[in-house]
Amino acid sequence: NSEFAKGFLELNSQGEIIVDCHCRTSVAGVFGAGDVTTVPEKQIIISAGEGAKSALSAYRWLIENQKI
């Protein structure tokens, strides 16, 4: 599922998108969530929570970088 990210985002050896605790990827302004990331728990409820966290992090990034 992370094929689209090859050559754009940093991936681990399993092909997962590497994210930090704020869902930030190796590219500024790009956030990740769900089963394609390095979050170890691959459950729907975890992915939903990570999606919400990613959206909030993206919103914060947009404000801090005066994009909105």
Protein backbone atom coordinates (compact mmCIF):
# COMPACT_ATOMS: atom_id res chain seq x y z
CA ASN A 1 0.00 0.00 0.00
CA SER A 2 2.95 2.36 0.34
CA GLU A 3 4.23 1.93 -3.22
CA PHE A 4 3.17 5.51 -3.98
CA ALA A 5 5.65 6.78 -1.38
CA LYS A 6 8.79 5.09 -2.73
CA GLY A 7 11.34 7.69 -3.69
CA PHE A 8 9.32 10.41 -1.98
CA LEU A 9 9.09 9.45 1.69
CA GLU A 10 11.47 7.52 3.91
CA LEU A 11 10.37 3.90 4.27
CA ASN A 12 11.64 1.18 6.56
CA SER A 13 12.83 -2.24 5.38
CA GLN A 14 9.25 -3.53 5.45
CA GLY A 15 8.05 -0.75 3.16
CA GLU A 16 6.22 1.15 5.90
CA ILE A 17 6.24 4.95 5.94
CA ILE A 18 8.34 6.14 8.86
CA VAL A 19 6.42 8.56 11.09
CA ASP A 20 7.13 10.17 14.43
CA CYS A 21 4.74 10.53 17.37
CA HIS A 22 3.04 13.46 15.58
CA CYS A 23 2.57 11.46 12.36
CA ARG A 24 5.22 13.54 10.57
CA THR A 25 7.09 11.88 7.73
CA SER A 26 10.52 12.62 6.32
CA VAL A 27 9.03 15.40 4.16
CA ALA A 28 7.91 18.62 5.84
CA GLY A 29 4.16 19.07 5.60
CA VAL A 30 3.47 15.43 4.75
CA PHE A 31 1.81 13.32 7.42
CA GLY A 32 0.97 9.64 7.54
CA ALA A 33 -1.46 7.38 9.35
CA GLY A 34 -2.81 3.87 9.25
CA ASP A 35 -1.45 0.51 8.24
CA VAL A 36 1.13 1.96 5.84
CA THR A 37 3.08 3.60 8.69
CA THR A 38 5.50 2.29 11.29
CA VAL A 39 2.88 2.35 14.04
CA PRO A 40 3.09 -1.25 15.30
CA GLU A 41 -0.59 -1.82 16.02
CA LYS A 42 -2.44 -2.57 12.78
CA GLN A 43 -6.01 -2.32 14.03
CA ILE A 44 -8.88 -0.26 12.65
CA ILE A 45 -9.40 1.71 15.86
CA ILE A 46 -5.69 2.54 16.08
CA SER A 47 -5.64 3.65 12.45
CA ALA A 48 -8.68 5.85 13.03
CA GLY A 49 -7.01 7.50 16.01
CA GLU A 50 -3.78 7.95 14.08
CA GLY A 51 -5.77 9.53 11.26
CA ALA A 52 -7.27 12.05 13.67
CA LYS A 53 -3.85 12.76 15.15
CA SER A 54 -2.36 13.16 11.69
CA ALA A 55 -5.09 15.61 10.67
CA LEU A 56 -4.52 17.70 13.80
CA SER A 57 -0.77 17.68 13.23
CA ALA A 58 -1.26 18.75 9.62
CA TYR A 59 -3.59 21.54 10.72
CA ARG A 60 -1.04 22.72 13.29
CA TRP A 61 1.70 22.61 10.63
CA LEU A 62 -0.39 24.69 8.25
CA ILE A 63 -1.01 27.33 10.91
CA GLU A 64 2.62 27.42 12.07
CA ASN A 65 3.85 27.76 8.50
CA GLN A 66 1.27 30.42 7.67
CA LYS A 67 -0.34 28.35 4.93
CA ILE A 68 -3.83 29.14 6.24
